[in-house]
Amino acid sequence: MNSGAPVIMKISDLPFHYNCVDILEHNLVKRADKIALYSVEREMTFQQVSQEVNRVGNALKKRGVRIGDAVALLALDLPEWVTSFFGILKVGGVAVGMSTTLTPKEYAYMLDDCRARVLIVSENLLPQIEEIQAERQFLEYVVVIGRPTGKSHLAYEDFIKGESTELAAAPTHRDDFCALNYTSGTTGQPKGIPHAHKDMPISSQLYAVNKLGMTESDRTFSVARLFFTYGLCVNLFSPWYVGGSMVLCSKPPRVPTNVLETIDRFQPTFLFSVPTAYASLLAFDGFKQYDLSSLRMCVAAGEALPAGLWHSWKEKTGLKIIESMGTTEAFALFLSNDPGDPHCDTTGKVVEGFELKITDENGKDVPPGEIGDLFVKGETFSLFYLHQYHKTQQYFRGEWLYTGDKFYMDEGGFYHYAGRADDML
């Protein structure tokens, strides 16, 4: 991968005491002045990111944040999301990335469930929090990226003003939790899924490097925002793991012009998206007006990729979409097509470092061609759903994660999506 960093394939490749802020800081040795982050708001070198991360970390320590404390992030994809995230991790806190599309009731549940002591929120999302802030028994500080509206809020700029740009990383263990993401609550409350420091470098190596061939020359852009594990993995940890750069867009990513203008302006080499977003780009009348020539690889995950869409994208751009699959529980993407020969009618083969099996209703492995329940295991996986014992028992089964998806594997070892298990009841 040409980054100068050690290759992290499995847990034993990491020291016991490890903080994944190292994924940022290893770049300071050889590429401190390289642009690490591109956005309309500002561009930042690795050195600038690191210094602001340290200022955030020192500000959090001053407010009493210690190893294991939860700090929530409810923000657009801005540079401050990134600096806040790594600042939280560097002091040993747990960064709780929250979706920007939820209701005050859902935010109240999440803030209470993770017991967040600090919330960092974008100015435009602050009204959602003001409605429920007074009743939150654990929340002590609200930091606003932008202009605060109340006396109980701190402006991000004031929060870090005067703080030192030097900070030693907390002595975290590689198994300590550093990130918490919530999945959809369509069948109950949202499920909090914690991930450890170890998960970040391993997922980057196994998928981005080994499968996709990402290098320090690459620049990534993801339609999936950073509060999704998909966006967090492929558009923050993976590029910086190899010494590459990331592109952020704070505007609504499902609006075609926002995506196309971002690609045209910042020239990413990787585009990570979802099938519906690719379809909306193709349906946009002004598609051909934008320069997409920088792209060398397009990836789709999050939902099944229709063959017709695959062919249409190839016809218009000359690029084949690489379909992949992962889950929030896994953090990484564990199924993927080969970039050298991507197919349009399959989710691909298992990514090296993970194991998959398909079983019948009695838990027995099914033969190729027969539909069954997909199970997966690997070293980047979460261990449980926060404060949800029965859901944990249902989906985390020993070493295996029950995905809730129906699949079959063909004779060539390719996996084919066949629907959700709960859709077939």
Protein backbone atom coordinates (compact mmCIF):
# COMPACT_ATOMS: atom_id res chain seq x y z
CA MET A 1 0.00 0.00 0.00
CA ASN A 2 3.14 2.20 0.04
CA SER A 3 2.17 4.08 3.20
CA GLY A 4 5.11 3.11 5.38
CA ALA A 5 2.72 1.79 8.03
CA PRO A 6 2.73 -1.82 9.26
CA VAL A 7 0.31 -4.23 7.60
CA ILE A 8 -2.53 -5.09 10.01
CA MET A 9 -4.28 -8.27 8.87
CA LYS A 10 -5.44 -9.64 12.21
CA ILE A 11 -5.69 -8.75 15.90
CA SER A 12 -2.33 -10.31 16.75
CA ASP A 13 -0.62 -7.85 14.38
CA LEU A 14 -1.47 -5.05 16.83
CA PRO A 15 0.13 -4.34 20.21
CA PHE A 16 -2.09 -4.81 23.25
CA HIS A 17 -2.10 -1.08 23.89
CA TYR A 18 -3.26 0.59 20.71
CA ASN A 19 -5.24 3.70 19.80
CA CYS A 20 -6.50 3.88 16.23
CA VAL A 21 -5.66 7.60 16.07
CA ASP A 22 -2.44 6.04 14.82
CA ILE A 23 -4.20 5.72 11.43
CA LEU A 24 -4.05 9.52 11.26
CA GLU A 25 -0.74 10.09 12.99
CA HIS A 26 1.45 7.61 11.11
CA ASN A 27 1.05 9.99 8.16
CA LEU A 28 2.86 12.77 10.03
CA VAL A 29 6.21 11.07 9.48
CA LYS A 30 6.35 11.27 5.68
CA ARG A 31 3.37 13.30 4.51
CA ALA A 32 2.54 15.88 7.17
CA ASP A 33 2.04 18.58 4.53
CA LYS A 34 -0.08 16.46 2.18
CA ILE A 35 -3.75 17.45 1.85
CA ALA A 36 -5.59 14.84 3.91
CA LEU A 37 -9.10 16.28 3.66
CA TYR A 38 -10.81 18.14 0.82
CA SER A 39 -14.11 19.99 1.27
CA VAL A 40 -15.84 23.19 0.20
CA GLU A 41 -15.47 24.54 3.73
CA ARG A 42 -11.70 24.04 3.94
CA GLU A 43 -8.79 21.81 2.98
CA MET A 44 -6.55 20.39 5.70
CA THR A 45 -3.15 18.74 5.68
CA PHE A 46 -2.42 15.77 7.93
CA GLN A 47 -0.48 18.14 10.19
CA GLN A 48 -3.40 20.57 10.43
CA VAL A 49 -5.85 17.77 11.15
CA SER A 50 -3.60 16.35 13.85
CA GLN A 51 -3.16 19.70 15.56
CA GLU A 52 -6.90 20.39 15.62
CA VAL A 53 -7.57 16.85 16.85
CA ASN A 54 -5.25 17.53 19.76
CA ARG A 55 -7.02 20.79 20.56
CA VAL A 56 -10.36 18.98 20.60
CA GLY A 57 -8.89 16.24 22.77
CA ASN A 58 -7.49 18.71 25.27
CA ALA A 59 -10.83 20.53 25.42
CA LEU A 60 -12.62 17.25 26.11
CA LYS A 61 -10.13 16.29 28.82
CA LYS A 62 -10.68 19.68 30.45
CA ARG A 63 -14.41 18.83 30.61
CA GLY A 64 -13.63 15.53 32.29
CA VAL A 65 -13.88 13.10 29.37
CA ARG A 66 -11.87 9.97 30.11
CA ILE A 67 -11.38 6.47 28.72
CA GLY A 68 -14.74 4.86 28.03
CA ASP A 69 -16.85 8.04 28.18
CA ALA A 70 -19.32 8.55 25.34
CA VAL A 71 -19.24 11.72 23.24
CA ALA A 72 -22.00 12.05 20.65
CA LEU A 73 -21.58 13.51 17.15
CA LEU A 74 -24.64 14.85 15.35
CA ALA A 75 -23.15 16.73 12.45
CA LEU A 76 -22.95 17.06 8.71
CA ASP A 77 -19.89 15.72 6.88
CA LEU A 78 -17.69 18.66 7.82
CA PRO A 79 -13.99 18.85 8.72
CA GLU A 80 -15.12 19.38 12.33
CA TRP A 81 -16.79 15.95 12.28
CA VAL A 82 -13.43 14.40 11.53
CA THR A 83 -11.38 16.43 14.01
CA SER A 84 -13.97 15.87 16.73
CA PHE A 85 -14.12 12.14 16.02
CA PHE A 86 -10.37 11.62 16.33
CA GLY A 87 -10.18 13.99 19.29
CA ILE A 88 -12.68 11.79 21.10
CA LEU A 89 -10.76 8.64 20.23
CA LYS A 90 -7.39 10.08 21.20
CA VAL A 91 -8.49 10.72 24.81
CA GLY A 92 -9.97 7.23 24.96
CA GLY A 93 -13.59 8.25 24.56
CA VAL A 94 -16.25 6.50 22.51
CA ALA A 95 -17.46 8.50 19.50
CA VAL A 96 -21.19 8.05 18.95
CA GLY A 97 -22.04 8.93 15.36
CA MET A 98 -25.73 9.74 15.05
CA SER A 99 -27.77 9.95 11.87
CA THR A 100 -28.73 13.47 10.80
CA THR A 101 -32.22 12.36 9.69
CA LEU A 102 -33.82 11.23 12.94
CA THR A 103 -36.40 12.69 15.32
CA PRO A 104 -35.85 14.37 18.70
CA LYS A 105 -37.37 11.30 20.34
CA GLU A 106 -34.80 9.04 18.71
CA TYR A 107 -31.94 11.36 19.66
CA ALA A 108 -33.19 11.37 23.24
CA TYR A 109 -33.13 7.57 23.31
CA MET A 110 -29.61 7.37 21.90
CA LEU A 111 -28.16 10.05 24.19
CA ASP A 112 -29.61 8.29 27.22
CA ASP A 113 -28.70 4.81 26.00
CA CYS A 114 -25.01 5.63 25.48
CA ARG A 115 -24.92 8.10 28.40
CA ALA A 116 -23.18 10.75 26.34
CA ARG A 117 -21.55 13.42 28.48
CA VAL A 118 -20.81 15.74 25.56
CA LEU A 119 -22.66 16.32 22.30
CA ILE A 120 -21.05 18.01 19.29
CA VAL A 121 -23.76 19.16 16.89
CA SER A 122 -24.06 21.11 13.63
CA GLU A 123 -25.83 24.44 13.92
CA ASN A 124 -28.67 23.42 11.57
CA LEU A 125 -29.42 20.31 13.69
CA LEU A 126 -29.39 22.12 17.02
CA PRO A 127 -33.20 22.67 17.14
CA GLN A 128 -33.65 18.90 17.23
CA ILE A 129 -31.55 18.79 20.39
CA GLU A 130 -32.93 21.89 22.11
CA GLU A 131 -36.31 20.20 22.20
CA ILE A 132 -35.02 17.35 24.37
CA GLN A 133 -31.85 18.69 26.03
CA ALA A 134 -33.32 19.66 29.39
CA GLU A 135 -34.46 16.10 30.20
CA ARG A 136 -31.11 14.39 29.47
CA GLN A 137 -29.64 13.30 32.79
CA PHE A 138 -26.12 12.46 31.51
CA LEU A 139 -25.53 15.26 28.99
CA GLU A 140 -23.32 18.01 30.44
CA TYR A 141 -22.04 19.96 27.43
CA VAL A 142 -23.40 20.82 23.98
CA VAL A 143 -20.80 22.07 21.51
CA VAL A 144 -22.11 23.71 18.33
CA ILE A 145 -20.33 23.65 14.99
CA GLY A 146 -21.45 27.10 13.89
CA ARG A 147 -23.39 29.64 15.91
CA PRO A 148 -24.88 28.62 19.29
CA THR A 149 -28.40 29.83 20.09
CA GLY A 150 -28.46 29.33 23.83
CA LYS A 151 -26.32 30.26 26.83
CA SER A 152 -25.92 26.58 27.70
CA HIS A 153 -24.14 25.88 24.40
CA LEU A 154 -20.47 26.28 23.45
CA ALA A 155 -19.29 27.28 19.99
CA TYR A 156 -16.83 24.76 18.57
CA GLU A 157 -14.29 27.54 17.90
CA ASP A 158 -14.54 28.74 21.50
CA PHE A 159 -14.44 25.15 22.76
CA ILE A 160 -10.98 24.55 21.27
CA LYS A 161 -9.67 28.14 21.47
CA GLY A 162 -6.36 28.36 23.29
CA GLU A 163 -5.98 24.61 23.64
CA SER A 164 -2.59 23.06 23.07
CA THR A 165 -1.79 21.39 19.75
CA GLU A 166 0.15 18.72 21.66
CA LEU A 167 -1.55 15.71 23.23
CA ALA A 168 -0.46 12.18 24.11
CA ALA A 169 -2.89 9.45 23.13
CA ALA A 170 -4.69 7.73 25.99
CA PRO A 171 -3.27 4.28 26.82
CA THR A 172 -6.21 2.41 25.33
CA HIS A 173 -6.26 -1.34 24.77
CA ARG A 174 -6.81 -2.59 21.23
CA ASP A 175 -10.08 -4.14 22.46
CA ASP A 176 -11.39 -0.94 24.06
CA PHE A 177 -14.46 0.46 22.34
CA CYS A 178 -13.90 3.65 20.36
CA ALA A 179 -17.01 4.01 18.18
CA LEU A 180 -20.71 3.39 18.64
CA ASN A 181 -23.17 3.39 15.75
CA TYR A 182 -26.92 2.93 15.87
CA THR A 183 -28.86 0.88 13.33
CA SER A 184 -32.44 1.34 12.24
CA GLY A 185 -35.15 0.86 14.84
CA THR A 186 -37.81 -0.40 12.42
CA THR A 187 -38.65 -3.31 14.72
CA GLY A 188 -38.06 -1.57 18.04
CA GLN A 189 -35.54 0.85 19.49
CA PRO A 190 -32.35 1.60 17.51
CA LYS A 191 -29.56 -0.86 18.29
CA GLY A 192 -26.26 0.55 19.52
CA ILE A 193 -23.30 -1.36 18.04
CA PRO A 194 -19.88 -0.71 19.61
CA HIS A 195 -16.59 -1.21 17.78
CA ALA A 196 -13.06 -1.42 19.12
CA HIS A 197 -9.82 0.32 18.13
CA LYS A 198 -8.61 -2.93 16.53
CA ASP A 199 -11.47 -3.02 14.04
CA MET A 200 -10.40 0.08 12.12
CA PRO A 201 -6.98 -0.95 10.75
CA ILE A 202 -8.00 -4.56 10.14
CA SER A 203 -11.08 -3.60 8.10
CA SER A 204 -9.03 -1.09 6.09
CA GLN A 205 -6.38 -3.65 5.26
CA LEU A 206 -8.68 -6.56 4.41
CA TYR A 207 -11.12 -4.66 2.21
CA ALA A 208 -9.66 -1.38 0.95
CA VAL A 209 -6.09 -2.59 0.45
CA ASN A 210 -6.28 -6.33 -0.17
CA LYS A 211 -9.51 -6.38 -2.15
CA LEU A 212 -9.73 -2.95 -3.82
CA GLY A 213 -6.04 -2.13 -4.09
CA MET A 214 -6.30 1.34 -2.54
CA THR A 215 -2.99 3.22 -2.28
CA GLU A 216 -1.61 6.53 -1.03
CA SER A 217 -2.25 8.02 -4.48
CA ASP A 218 -6.00 7.56 -4.09
CA ARG A 219 -8.62 10.08 -3.05
CA THR A 220 -11.96 8.76 -1.77
CA PHE A 221 -15.48 10.18 -1.77
CA SER A 222 -18.50 8.48 -0.22
CA VAL A 223 -22.19 9.24 -0.68
CA ALA A 224 -22.73 7.32 2.56
CA ARG A 225 -22.07 9.80 5.34
CA LEU A 226 -19.58 9.37 8.15
CA PHE A 227 -22.20 8.42 10.72
CA PHE A 228 -22.68 5.20 8.74
CA THR A 229 -20.03 2.53 9.32
CA TYR A 230 -19.87 2.17 5.52
CA GLY A 231 -18.89 5.81 5.06
CA LEU A 232 -16.64 5.82 8.13
CA CYS A 233 -14.72 2.75 6.97
CA VAL A 234 -14.22 3.61 3.30
CA ASN A 235 -14.00 7.41 3.44
CA LEU A 236 -11.98 8.06 6.59
CA PHE A 237 -10.10 5.12 8.00
CA SER A 238 -9.26 3.38 4.72
CA PRO A 239 -7.74 6.32 2.80
CA TRP A 240 -5.74 7.54 5.78
CA TYR A 241 -4.61 4.00 6.57
CA VAL A 242 -2.85 3.93 3.20
CA GLY A 243 -1.80 7.59 3.24
CA GLY A 244 -4.44 8.75 0.76
CA SER A 245 -6.91 11.61 1.00
CA MET A 246 -10.63 11.95 1.63
CA VAL A 247 -13.30 14.21 0.12
CA LEU A 248 -16.24 15.48 2.16
CA CYS A 249 -19.56 16.97 1.05
CA SER A 250 -21.76 18.58 3.70
CA LYS A 251 -24.68 19.06 1.30
CA PRO A 252 -27.44 16.41 0.97
CA PRO A 253 -25.65 13.52 -0.78
CA ARG A 254 -28.74 12.17 -2.51
CA VAL A 255 -29.03 15.35 -4.63
CA PRO A 256 -27.29 14.53 -7.95
CA THR A 257 -25.77 17.98 -8.46
CA ASN A 258 -24.15 17.88 -5.01
CA VAL A 259 -22.42 14.60 -5.80
CA LEU A 260 -21.46 15.50 -9.37
CA GLU A 261 -20.11 18.94 -8.42
CA THR A 262 -18.03 17.37 -5.65
CA ILE A 263 -16.51 14.81 -8.02
CA ASP A 264 -15.90 17.45 -10.70
CA ARG A 265 -14.20 19.84 -8.28
CA PHE A 266 -12.14 17.51 -6.07
CA GLN A 267 -11.39 14.69 -8.53
CA PRO A 268 -11.63 11.60 -6.30
CA THR A 269 -10.38 8.27 -7.64
CA PHE A 270 -12.82 6.15 -5.60
CA LEU A 271 -16.59 6.66 -5.44
CA PHE A 272 -18.44 4.73 -2.74
CA SER A 273 -22.20 4.88 -3.00
CA VAL A 274 -25.45 2.91 -2.95
CA PRO A 275 -27.42 1.66 -5.97
CA THR A 276 -30.26 4.16 -5.61
CA ALA A 277 -27.76 7.04 -5.66
CA TYR A 278 -26.08 5.69 -8.80
CA ALA A 279 -29.53 5.48 -10.41
CA SER A 280 -30.33 9.09 -9.50
CA LEU A 281 -27.08 10.27 -11.07
CA LEU A 282 -27.86 8.46 -14.32
CA ALA A 283 -31.38 9.92 -14.35
CA PHE A 284 -30.08 13.49 -13.99
CA ASP A 285 -30.31 15.39 -17.29
CA GLY A 286 -27.05 17.26 -16.77
CA PHE A 287 -24.97 14.16 -15.99
CA LYS A 288 -22.67 14.55 -19.02
CA GLN A 289 -21.75 18.12 -18.10
CA TYR A 290 -19.55 16.99 -15.22
CA ASP A 291 -16.00 15.64 -15.33
CA LEU A 292 -15.86 12.16 -13.79
CA SER A 293 -12.61 11.17 -15.49
CA SER A 294 -10.70 11.03 -12.18
CA LEU A 295 -12.67 7.99 -11.04
CA ARG A 296 -10.93 4.67 -11.37
CA MET A 297 -13.24 2.63 -9.17
CA CYS A 298 -16.95 2.77 -8.26
CA VAL A 299 -18.32 0.68 -5.39
CA ALA A 300 -21.91 -0.03 -4.40
CA ALA A 301 -23.09 -1.44 -1.08
CA GLY A 302 -26.07 -1.09 1.25
CA GLU A 303 -28.60 -2.77 -1.05
CA ALA A 304 -28.70 -5.17 -4.00
CA LEU A 305 -27.35 -3.77 -7.28
CA PRO A 306 -29.72 -4.33 -10.25
CA ALA A 307 -28.00 -5.74 -13.34
CA GLY A 308 -29.63 -3.09 -15.54
CA LEU A 309 -28.13 -0.31 -13.44
CA TRP A 310 -24.70 -1.95 -13.61
CA HIS A 311 -24.87 -2.03 -17.41
CA SER A 312 -26.21 1.53 -17.70
CA TRP A 313 -23.43 2.94 -15.51
CA LYS A 314 -20.80 1.07 -17.53
CA GLU A 315 -22.29 2.37 -20.77
CA LYS A 316 -22.25 6.01 -19.62
CA THR A 317 -18.96 6.08 -17.71
CA GLY A 318 -16.94 3.12 -18.95
CA LEU A 319 -16.64 1.95 -15.32
CA LYS A 320 -17.97 -1.26 -13.83
CA ILE A 321 -19.59 -0.91 -10.41
CA ILE A 322 -18.08 -3.23 -7.82
CA GLU A 323 -20.86 -4.59 -5.63
CA SER A 324 -19.89 -5.33 -2.02
CA MET A 325 -21.67 -6.07 1.24
CA GLY A 326 -21.06 -5.47 4.91
CA THR A 327 -23.04 -4.78 8.06
CA THR A 328 -22.79 -2.29 10.91
CA GLU A 329 -22.04 -5.25 13.19
CA ALA A 330 -19.06 -6.27 11.03
CA PHE A 331 -17.79 -2.72 10.40
CA ALA A 332 -15.94 -4.06 7.35
CA LEU A 333 -17.29 -5.20 3.99
CA PHE A 334 -16.93 -8.97 3.92
CA LEU A 335 -18.41 -9.82 0.51
CA SER A 336 -17.14 -8.23 -2.67
CA ASN A 337 -16.64 -8.59 -6.37
CA ASP A 338 -13.09 -8.56 -7.70
CA PRO A 339 -12.15 -5.15 -9.16
CA GLY A 340 -10.31 -6.97 -11.95
CA ASP A 341 -13.42 -8.86 -13.05
CA PRO A 342 -16.58 -7.49 -11.39
CA HIS A 343 -19.86 -9.27 -12.08
CA CYS A 344 -23.28 -7.64 -12.34
CA ASP A 345 -25.39 -10.48 -10.98
CA THR A 346 -23.71 -11.34 -7.69
CA THR A 347 -22.53 -9.76 -4.44
CA GLY A 348 -19.20 -11.47 -5.04
CA LYS A 349 -17.01 -13.77 -3.02
CA VAL A 350 -15.97 -13.72 0.61
CA VAL A 351 -13.23 -11.20 1.40
CA GLU A 352 -10.06 -12.83 2.73
CA GLY A 353 -10.01 -12.68 6.53
CA PHE A 354 -13.71 -13.47 6.94
CA GLU A 355 -15.70 -16.69 6.91
CA LEU A 356 -19.26 -17.20 5.67
CA LYS A 357 -21.76 -20.00 5.85
CA ILE A 358 -25.33 -20.51 4.64
CA THR A 359 -27.57 -22.70 6.76
CA ASP A 360 -31.10 -24.08 6.74
CA GLU A 361 -33.68 -23.52 9.48
CA ASN A 362 -32.04 -26.29 11.53
CA GLY A 363 -28.61 -24.71 11.39
CA LYS A 364 -27.15 -27.19 8.89
CA ASP A 365 -25.02 -25.98 5.99
CA VAL A 366 -26.87 -26.01 2.68
CA PRO A 367 -25.32 -27.14 -0.63
CA PRO A 368 -24.48 -24.70 -3.46
CA GLY A 369 -27.55 -23.35 -5.19
CA GLU A 370 -29.82 -23.69 -2.15
CA ILE A 371 -31.12 -20.57 -0.38
CA GLY A 372 -30.49 -20.27 3.34
CA ASP A 373 -29.56 -17.90 6.18
CA LEU A 374 -26.24 -16.06 5.85
CA PHE A 375 -23.83 -16.16 8.79
CA VAL A 376 -20.44 -14.45 8.91
CA LYS A 377 -17.52 -14.21 11.32
CA GLY A 378 -14.35 -12.17 11.48
CA GLU A 379 -12.06 -10.21 13.80
CA THR A 380 -13.63 -6.78 13.15
CA PHE A 381 -17.02 -7.75 14.53
CA SER A 382 -18.87 -6.18 17.42
CA LEU A 383 -19.76 -8.36 20.39
CA PHE A 384 -23.26 -7.21 21.31
CA TYR A 385 -26.04 -4.65 21.02
CA LEU A 386 -25.78 -2.09 23.78
CA HIS A 387 -28.36 -2.72 26.52
CA GLN A 388 -30.32 -5.17 24.33
CA TYR A 389 -29.71 -8.66 25.68
CA HIS A 390 -32.41 -10.51 23.72
CA LYS A 391 -31.46 -8.94 20.38
CA THR A 392 -27.84 -9.83 21.11
CA GLN A 393 -28.82 -13.45 21.72
CA GLN A 394 -30.78 -13.51 18.48
CA TYR A 395 -28.03 -12.21 16.18
CA PHE A 396 -24.68 -12.89 17.89
CA ARG A 397 -24.35 -16.67 18.01
CA GLY A 398 -20.98 -17.68 19.37
CA GLU A 399 -18.33 -16.73 16.82
CA TRP A 400 -20.98 -16.19 14.13
CA LEU A 401 -23.16 -13.21 13.31
CA TYR A 402 -26.61 -13.95 11.92
CA THR A 403 -27.14 -11.29 9.27
CA GLY A 404 -30.88 -11.79 8.73
CA ASP A 405 -30.22 -12.06 4.97
CA LYS A 406 -31.11 -14.91 2.64
CA PHE A 407 -28.38 -15.95 0.20
CA TYR A 408 -27.27 -18.82 -1.94
CA MET A 409 -23.78 -19.65 -3.19
CA ASP A 410 -23.22 -20.94 -6.71
CA GLU A 411 -20.73 -23.60 -7.78
CA GLY A 412 -18.12 -20.91 -8.48
CA GLY A 413 -18.18 -19.60 -4.91
CA PHE A 414 -20.14 -16.43 -5.78
CA TYR A 415 -22.84 -15.32 -3.33
CA HIS A 416 -26.27 -14.20 -4.51
CA TYR A 417 -28.72 -12.14 -2.47
CA ALA A 418 -32.20 -13.66 -2.14
CA GLY A 419 -33.98 -11.26 0.26
CA ARG A 420 -34.37 -10.59 3.95
CA ALA A 421 -35.38 -13.41 6.26
CA ASP A 422 -38.09 -11.29 7.87
CA ASP A 423 -39.58 -10.61 4.42
CA MET A 424 -40.18 -14.32 3.97
CA LEU A 425 -42.10 -15.00 7.16
